[in-house]
Amino acid sequence: MSNVIHLLTRRPIESPEEVLPRPDECLACFVHRMVGRQGCSAALRWVEQFRVHRTRRATALGRRLVARGATCDCSVTDVVWRPGPQLWEWSEAGQLVPPEQVPPCPGVRPGSTQPCRLWVAVADLAI
């Protein structure tokens, strides 16, 4: 076990790369990955982690996500963005459900706060 503690989550981490955005990884994929590994922080801490390391100039990022309904990190990939319909699967009950696992991020341009093509805005989904 590591003796390195993450400042935001106060949990041990094996390496700093474990809690940093991957090269070209989009905000939605990073937040989804971190919530899956480290849990929801009950705030927008993973969003802020992404902003600090990838998009320093996007100072209004948190406010923009809150305006779209985000209240914490897990709501970013539940209330603001959802996996695109191309990833949804049919359940045994015959209903279309979002995937439990999202494929690796195909990437976005440097400095972008937009999701990659795997995600769509919830407002654009007709469920």
N, C-alpha and C. Protein backbone atom coordinates (compact mmCIF):
# COMPACT_ATOMS: atom_id res chain seq x y z
N MET A 1 0.85 -1.18 0.00
CA MET A 1 0.00 0.00 0.00
C MET A 1 0.89 1.23 0.00
N SER A 2 0.44 2.25 -0.68
CA SER A 2 1.19 3.48 -0.80
C SER A 2 1.00 4.37 0.42
N ASN A 3 1.98 5.22 0.67
CA ASN A 3 1.83 6.20 1.73
C ASN A 3 1.51 7.58 1.15
N VAL A 4 1.19 7.62 -0.15
CA VAL A 4 0.80 8.87 -0.81
C VAL A 4 -0.71 9.03 -0.68
N ILE A 5 -1.14 10.18 -0.19
CA ILE A 5 -2.55 10.46 0.04
C ILE A 5 -3.00 11.55 -0.93
N HIS A 6 -4.14 11.33 -1.59
CA HIS A 6 -4.69 12.33 -2.49
C HIS A 6 -5.29 13.46 -1.66
N LEU A 7 -4.96 14.71 -2.01
CA LEU A 7 -5.43 15.86 -1.24
C LEU A 7 -6.94 16.03 -1.25
N LEU A 8 -7.59 15.68 -2.36
CA LEU A 8 -9.03 15.90 -2.46
C LEU A 8 -9.83 14.80 -1.79
N THR A 9 -9.43 13.55 -2.01
CA THR A 9 -10.23 12.44 -1.49
C THR A 9 -9.72 11.90 -0.16
N ARG A 10 -8.50 12.24 0.18
CA ARG A 10 -7.86 11.77 1.41
C ARG A 10 -7.69 10.24 1.42
N ARG A 11 -7.62 9.65 0.23
CA ARG A 11 -7.45 8.21 0.11
C ARG A 11 -6.05 7.91 -0.41
N PRO A 12 -5.48 6.75 -0.04
CA PRO A 12 -4.16 6.38 -0.57
C PRO A 12 -4.22 6.16 -2.08
N ILE A 13 -3.15 6.55 -2.75
CA ILE A 13 -3.04 6.30 -4.19
C ILE A 13 -1.71 5.62 -4.46
N GLU A 14 -1.70 4.77 -5.46
CA GLU A 14 -0.46 4.06 -5.81
C GLU A 14 0.51 4.97 -6.55
N SER A 15 -0.01 5.80 -7.45
CA SER A 15 0.84 6.71 -8.21
C SER A 15 0.02 7.94 -8.59
N PRO A 16 0.69 9.07 -8.81
CA PRO A 16 -0.04 10.29 -9.21
C PRO A 16 -0.81 10.12 -10.52
N GLU A 17 -0.29 9.29 -11.45
CA GLU A 17 -0.97 9.07 -12.72
C GLU A 17 -2.36 8.49 -12.53
N GLU A 18 -2.56 7.83 -11.41
CA GLU A 18 -3.83 7.19 -11.10
C GLU A 18 -4.97 8.21 -10.93
N VAL A 19 -4.65 9.43 -10.54
CA VAL A 19 -5.67 10.45 -10.28
C VAL A 19 -5.53 11.66 -11.19
N LEU A 20 -4.79 11.52 -12.27
CA LEU A 20 -4.64 12.61 -13.23
C LEU A 20 -5.33 12.23 -14.54
N PRO A 21 -5.82 13.23 -15.28
CA PRO A 21 -6.40 12.92 -16.59
C PRO A 21 -5.34 12.31 -17.50
N ARG A 22 -5.75 11.31 -18.26
CA ARG A 22 -4.84 10.71 -19.24
C ARG A 22 -4.68 11.67 -20.41
N PRO A 23 -3.61 11.51 -21.19
CA PRO A 23 -3.44 12.39 -22.36
C PRO A 23 -4.67 12.31 -23.27
N ASP A 24 -5.21 13.43 -23.64
CA ASP A 24 -6.38 13.56 -24.53
C ASP A 24 -7.68 13.07 -23.93
N GLU A 25 -7.71 12.62 -22.68
CA GLU A 25 -8.94 12.15 -22.05
C GLU A 25 -9.90 13.32 -21.84
N CYS A 26 -11.17 13.11 -22.16
CA CYS A 26 -12.16 14.18 -21.99
C CYS A 26 -12.61 14.27 -20.54
N LEU A 27 -13.25 15.37 -20.21
CA LEU A 27 -13.74 15.60 -18.86
C LEU A 27 -14.71 14.51 -18.41
N ALA A 28 -15.67 14.15 -19.25
CA ALA A 28 -16.67 13.15 -18.87
C ALA A 28 -16.02 11.79 -18.61
N CYS A 29 -15.11 11.37 -19.47
CA CYS A 29 -14.44 10.07 -19.27
C CYS A 29 -13.59 10.10 -18.00
N PHE A 30 -12.88 11.20 -17.76
CA PHE A 30 -12.06 11.31 -16.55
C PHE A 30 -12.92 11.24 -15.29
N VAL A 31 -13.98 12.03 -15.25
CA VAL A 31 -14.84 12.04 -14.06
C VAL A 31 -15.49 10.67 -13.87
N HIS A 32 -15.96 10.06 -14.95
CA HIS A 32 -16.57 8.72 -14.86
C HIS A 32 -15.56 7.71 -14.31
N ARG A 33 -14.34 7.75 -14.82
CA ARG A 33 -13.29 6.83 -14.37
C ARG A 33 -12.95 7.04 -12.90
N MET A 34 -12.83 8.30 -12.49
CA MET A 34 -12.45 8.59 -11.12
C MET A 34 -13.57 8.26 -10.12
N VAL A 35 -14.80 8.54 -10.49
CA VAL A 35 -15.92 8.19 -9.61
C VAL A 35 -16.00 6.68 -9.47
N GLY A 36 -15.76 5.95 -10.56
CA GLY A 36 -15.76 4.50 -10.50
C GLY A 36 -14.65 3.93 -9.62
N ARG A 37 -13.50 4.58 -9.62
CA ARG A 37 -12.36 4.09 -8.83
C ARG A 37 -12.34 4.62 -7.41
N GLN A 38 -12.60 5.90 -7.25
CA GLN A 38 -12.42 6.55 -5.95
C GLN A 38 -13.73 6.95 -5.28
N GLY A 39 -14.82 6.87 -6.03
CA GLY A 39 -16.12 7.25 -5.47
C GLY A 39 -16.42 8.73 -5.69
N CYS A 40 -17.65 9.07 -5.45
CA CYS A 40 -18.09 10.46 -5.61
C CYS A 40 -17.62 11.25 -4.39
N SER A 41 -17.19 12.45 -4.64
CA SER A 41 -16.67 13.28 -3.55
C SER A 41 -17.74 14.15 -2.90
N ALA A 42 -18.98 14.06 -3.37
CA ALA A 42 -20.08 14.91 -2.90
C ALA A 42 -19.83 16.38 -3.21
N ALA A 43 -18.95 16.63 -4.15
CA ALA A 43 -18.65 17.98 -4.64
C ALA A 43 -18.11 17.80 -6.06
N LEU A 44 -17.66 18.85 -6.67
CA LEU A 44 -17.10 18.76 -8.02
C LEU A 44 -15.57 18.70 -7.96
N ARG A 45 -15.04 17.86 -7.07
CA ARG A 45 -13.60 17.78 -6.88
C ARG A 45 -12.87 17.17 -8.06
N TRP A 46 -13.44 16.13 -8.68
CA TRP A 46 -12.77 15.54 -9.84
C TRP A 46 -12.85 16.49 -11.03
N VAL A 47 -13.93 17.23 -11.13
CA VAL A 47 -14.03 18.26 -12.18
C VAL A 47 -12.92 19.29 -11.97
N GLU A 48 -12.73 19.71 -10.73
CA GLU A 48 -11.68 20.70 -10.43
C GLU A 48 -10.30 20.11 -10.68
N GLN A 49 -10.11 18.85 -10.37
CA GLN A 49 -8.82 18.18 -10.65
C GLN A 49 -8.53 18.24 -12.15
N PHE A 50 -9.54 17.94 -12.96
CA PHE A 50 -9.39 17.99 -14.41
C PHE A 50 -9.05 19.41 -14.85
N ARG A 51 -9.79 20.38 -14.34
CA ARG A 51 -9.58 21.78 -14.73
C ARG A 51 -8.16 22.23 -14.40
N VAL A 52 -7.69 21.91 -13.22
CA VAL A 52 -6.37 22.35 -12.79
C VAL A 52 -5.27 21.74 -13.66
N HIS A 53 -5.44 20.48 -14.05
CA HIS A 53 -4.39 19.81 -14.81
C HIS A 53 -4.51 19.92 -16.32
N ARG A 54 -5.70 20.21 -16.82
CA ARG A 54 -5.87 20.22 -18.28
C ARG A 54 -6.41 21.53 -18.86
N THR A 55 -7.21 22.25 -18.10
CA THR A 55 -7.88 23.43 -18.67
C THR A 55 -7.88 24.58 -17.66
N ARG A 56 -6.71 25.01 -17.25
CA ARG A 56 -6.59 26.04 -16.20
C ARG A 56 -7.41 27.29 -16.47
N ARG A 57 -7.55 27.64 -17.71
CA ARG A 57 -8.27 28.88 -18.04
C ARG A 57 -9.78 28.75 -17.97
N ALA A 58 -10.29 27.55 -17.82
CA ALA A 58 -11.74 27.32 -17.77
C ALA A 58 -12.24 27.53 -16.34
N THR A 59 -12.07 28.73 -15.84
CA THR A 59 -12.41 29.02 -14.44
C THR A 59 -13.90 28.91 -14.15
N ALA A 60 -14.75 29.02 -15.14
CA ALA A 60 -16.20 28.93 -14.93
C ALA A 60 -16.73 27.51 -15.16
N LEU A 61 -15.87 26.53 -15.31
CA LEU A 61 -16.30 25.17 -15.61
C LEU A 61 -17.28 24.64 -14.56
N GLY A 62 -16.94 24.76 -13.31
CA GLY A 62 -17.83 24.28 -12.25
C GLY A 62 -19.18 24.97 -12.29
N ARG A 63 -19.19 26.28 -12.46
CA ARG A 63 -20.46 27.04 -12.52
C ARG A 63 -21.29 26.61 -13.73
N ARG A 64 -20.64 26.36 -14.86
CA ARG A 64 -21.38 25.91 -16.05
C ARG A 64 -22.03 24.56 -15.82
N LEU A 65 -21.32 23.65 -15.17
CA LEU A 65 -21.88 22.32 -14.90
C LEU A 65 -23.01 22.40 -13.88
N VAL A 66 -22.86 23.24 -12.87
CA VAL A 66 -23.93 23.43 -11.88
C VAL A 66 -25.17 24.00 -12.56
N ALA A 67 -24.98 24.93 -13.47
CA ALA A 67 -26.11 25.52 -14.20
C ALA A 67 -26.84 24.47 -15.03
N ARG A 68 -26.15 23.40 -15.41
CA ARG A 68 -26.76 22.32 -16.19
C ARG A 68 -27.29 21.20 -15.31
N GLY A 69 -27.20 21.37 -13.98
CA GLY A 69 -27.80 20.40 -13.07
C GLY A 69 -26.84 19.58 -12.23
N ALA A 70 -25.54 19.73 -12.43
CA ALA A 70 -24.57 18.95 -11.66
C ALA A 70 -24.52 19.45 -10.22
N THR A 71 -24.51 18.52 -9.28
CA THR A 71 -24.38 18.88 -7.87
C THR A 71 -23.12 18.26 -7.27
N CYS A 72 -22.61 17.23 -7.92
CA CYS A 72 -21.40 16.55 -7.45
C CYS A 72 -20.78 15.85 -8.66
N ASP A 73 -19.64 15.20 -8.45
CA ASP A 73 -18.94 14.55 -9.55
C ASP A 73 -19.78 13.48 -10.25
N CYS A 74 -20.48 12.65 -9.48
CA CYS A 74 -21.23 11.57 -10.14
C CYS A 74 -22.40 12.11 -10.96
N SER A 75 -22.90 13.27 -10.62
CA SER A 75 -24.01 13.84 -11.40
C SER A 75 -23.55 14.39 -12.75
N VAL A 76 -22.24 14.61 -12.90
CA VAL A 76 -21.72 15.09 -14.19
C VAL A 76 -22.00 14.05 -15.27
N THR A 77 -21.81 12.78 -14.95
CA THR A 77 -22.04 11.72 -15.95
C THR A 77 -23.38 11.02 -15.74
N ASP A 78 -24.28 11.69 -15.07
CA ASP A 78 -25.62 11.15 -14.89
C ASP A 78 -26.67 12.20 -15.23
N VAL A 79 -26.42 13.44 -14.86
CA VAL A 79 -27.39 14.52 -15.06
C VAL A 79 -27.01 15.42 -16.24
N VAL A 80 -25.72 15.66 -16.42
CA VAL A 80 -25.26 16.56 -17.48
C VAL A 80 -25.02 15.79 -18.77
N TRP A 81 -24.22 14.74 -18.69
CA TRP A 81 -23.91 13.89 -19.85
C TRP A 81 -24.20 12.44 -19.51
N ARG A 82 -24.58 11.69 -20.53
CA ARG A 82 -24.81 10.24 -20.40
C ARG A 82 -24.08 9.56 -21.55
N PRO A 83 -23.76 8.29 -21.40
CA PRO A 83 -23.19 7.58 -22.54
C PRO A 83 -24.14 7.66 -23.74
N GLY A 84 -23.58 7.85 -24.90
CA GLY A 84 -24.38 7.99 -26.12
C GLY A 84 -25.20 6.75 -26.41
N PRO A 85 -26.29 6.91 -27.15
CA PRO A 85 -27.17 5.78 -27.47
C PRO A 85 -26.46 4.63 -28.16
N GLN A 86 -25.38 4.90 -28.87
CA GLN A 86 -24.65 3.83 -29.55
C GLN A 86 -24.04 2.84 -28.56
N LEU A 87 -23.93 3.23 -27.28
CA LEU A 87 -23.36 2.35 -26.26
C LEU A 87 -24.41 1.63 -25.42
N TRP A 88 -25.67 2.04 -25.54
CA TRP A 88 -26.73 1.45 -24.71
C TRP A 88 -26.99 0.02 -25.15
N GLU A 89 -27.50 -0.78 -24.23
CA GLU A 89 -27.75 -2.20 -24.48
C GLU A 89 -29.18 -2.56 -24.10
N TRP A 90 -29.65 -3.66 -24.66
CA TRP A 90 -30.98 -4.15 -24.30
C TRP A 90 -30.88 -5.02 -23.06
N SER A 91 -31.75 -4.77 -22.10
CA SER A 91 -31.79 -5.60 -20.89
C SER A 91 -32.62 -6.85 -21.17
N GLU A 92 -32.59 -7.78 -20.23
CA GLU A 92 -33.39 -9.00 -20.38
C GLU A 92 -34.88 -8.68 -20.37
N ALA A 93 -35.24 -7.55 -19.76
CA ALA A 93 -36.64 -7.14 -19.70
C ALA A 93 -37.07 -6.42 -20.97
N GLY A 94 -36.15 -6.31 -21.92
CA GLY A 94 -36.48 -5.66 -23.19
C GLY A 94 -36.43 -4.14 -23.14
N GLN A 95 -35.71 -3.59 -22.18
CA GLN A 95 -35.56 -2.14 -22.08
C GLN A 95 -34.13 -1.74 -22.45
N LEU A 96 -34.01 -0.56 -23.02
CA LEU A 96 -32.71 -0.02 -23.37
C LEU A 96 -32.09 0.61 -22.12
N VAL A 97 -30.88 0.18 -21.75
CA VAL A 97 -30.22 0.68 -20.54
C VAL A 97 -28.80 1.15 -20.88
N PRO A 98 -28.33 2.17 -20.15
CA PRO A 98 -26.97 2.63 -20.39
C PRO A 98 -25.95 1.56 -19.99
N PRO A 99 -24.78 1.58 -20.57
CA PRO A 99 -23.78 0.55 -20.27
C PRO A 99 -23.20 0.73 -18.87
N GLU A 100 -22.78 -0.37 -18.28
CA GLU A 100 -22.11 -0.28 -16.98
C GLU A 100 -20.66 0.16 -17.17
N GLN A 101 -20.04 -0.26 -18.25
CA GLN A 101 -18.67 0.12 -18.56
C GLN A 101 -18.65 0.98 -19.82
N VAL A 102 -17.85 2.03 -19.81
CA VAL A 102 -17.70 2.90 -20.98
C VAL A 102 -16.35 2.56 -21.61
N PRO A 103 -16.28 2.44 -22.94
CA PRO A 103 -15.00 2.14 -23.59
C PRO A 103 -13.96 3.23 -23.29
N PRO A 104 -12.69 2.95 -23.55
CA PRO A 104 -11.66 3.98 -23.35
C PRO A 104 -11.96 5.24 -24.17
N CYS A 105 -11.60 6.37 -23.62
CA CYS A 105 -11.86 7.66 -24.26
C CYS A 105 -11.12 7.77 -25.59
N PRO A 106 -11.84 8.13 -26.67
CA PRO A 106 -11.16 8.32 -27.95
C PRO A 106 -10.39 9.63 -28.01
N GLY A 107 -10.60 10.50 -27.01
CA GLY A 107 -9.82 11.73 -26.92
C GLY A 107 -10.53 12.97 -27.44
N VAL A 108 -10.03 14.10 -26.98
CA VAL A 108 -10.50 15.41 -27.40
C VAL A 108 -9.27 16.29 -27.60
N ARG A 109 -9.48 17.46 -28.18
CA ARG A 109 -8.35 18.37 -28.41
C ARG A 109 -7.84 18.90 -27.07
N PRO A 110 -6.58 19.25 -26.98
CA PRO A 110 -6.03 19.79 -25.74
C PRO A 110 -6.79 21.04 -25.29
N GLY A 111 -7.06 21.14 -24.01
CA GLY A 111 -7.73 22.31 -23.45
C GLY A 111 -9.24 22.28 -23.53
N SER A 112 -9.82 21.21 -24.08
CA SER A 112 -11.27 21.13 -24.23
C SER A 112 -11.94 20.68 -22.93
N THR A 113 -13.09 21.27 -22.63
CA THR A 113 -13.90 20.81 -21.50
C THR A 113 -15.14 20.07 -22.00
N GLN A 114 -15.22 19.83 -23.29
CA GLN A 114 -16.35 19.13 -23.88
C GLN A 114 -16.12 17.62 -23.80
N PRO A 115 -17.20 16.85 -23.75
CA PRO A 115 -17.04 15.39 -23.73
C PRO A 115 -16.63 14.87 -25.10
N CYS A 116 -16.09 13.67 -25.12
CA CYS A 116 -15.75 13.02 -26.39
C CYS A 116 -17.03 12.50 -27.04
N ARG A 117 -16.87 11.81 -28.14
CA ARG A 117 -18.04 11.34 -28.90
C ARG A 117 -18.79 10.20 -28.20
N LEU A 118 -18.26 9.68 -27.11
CA LEU A 118 -18.96 8.61 -26.37
C LEU A 118 -20.12 9.16 -25.54
N TRP A 119 -20.16 10.47 -25.30
CA TRP A 119 -21.14 11.09 -24.39
C TRP A 119 -22.04 12.05 -25.14
N VAL A 120 -23.27 12.18 -24.66
CA VAL A 120 -24.21 13.16 -25.20
C VAL A 120 -24.83 13.90 -24.03
N ALA A 121 -25.25 15.12 -24.30
CA ALA A 121 -25.93 15.90 -23.27
C ALA A 121 -27.26 15.26 -22.94
N VAL A 122 -27.59 15.17 -21.66
CA VAL A 122 -28.86 14.58 -21.24
C VAL A 122 -30.01 15.34 -21.87
N ALA A 123 -29.86 16.65 -22.00
CA ALA A 123 -30.91 17.48 -22.59
C ALA A 123 -31.19 17.06 -24.04
N ASP A 124 -30.22 16.45 -24.72
CA ASP A 124 -30.38 16.03 -26.12
C ASP A 124 -30.93 14.62 -26.25
N LEU A 125 -31.03 13.88 -25.16
CA LEU A 125 -31.54 12.50 -25.22
C LEU A 125 -33.05 12.50 -25.14
N ALA A 126 -33.65 11.67 -25.95
CA ALA A 126 -35.11 11.48 -25.89
C ALA A 126 -35.35 10.06 -25.39
N ILE A 127 -35.54 9.94 -24.11
CA ILE A 127 -35.71 8.62 -23.52
C ILE A 127 -37.18 8.35 -23.30
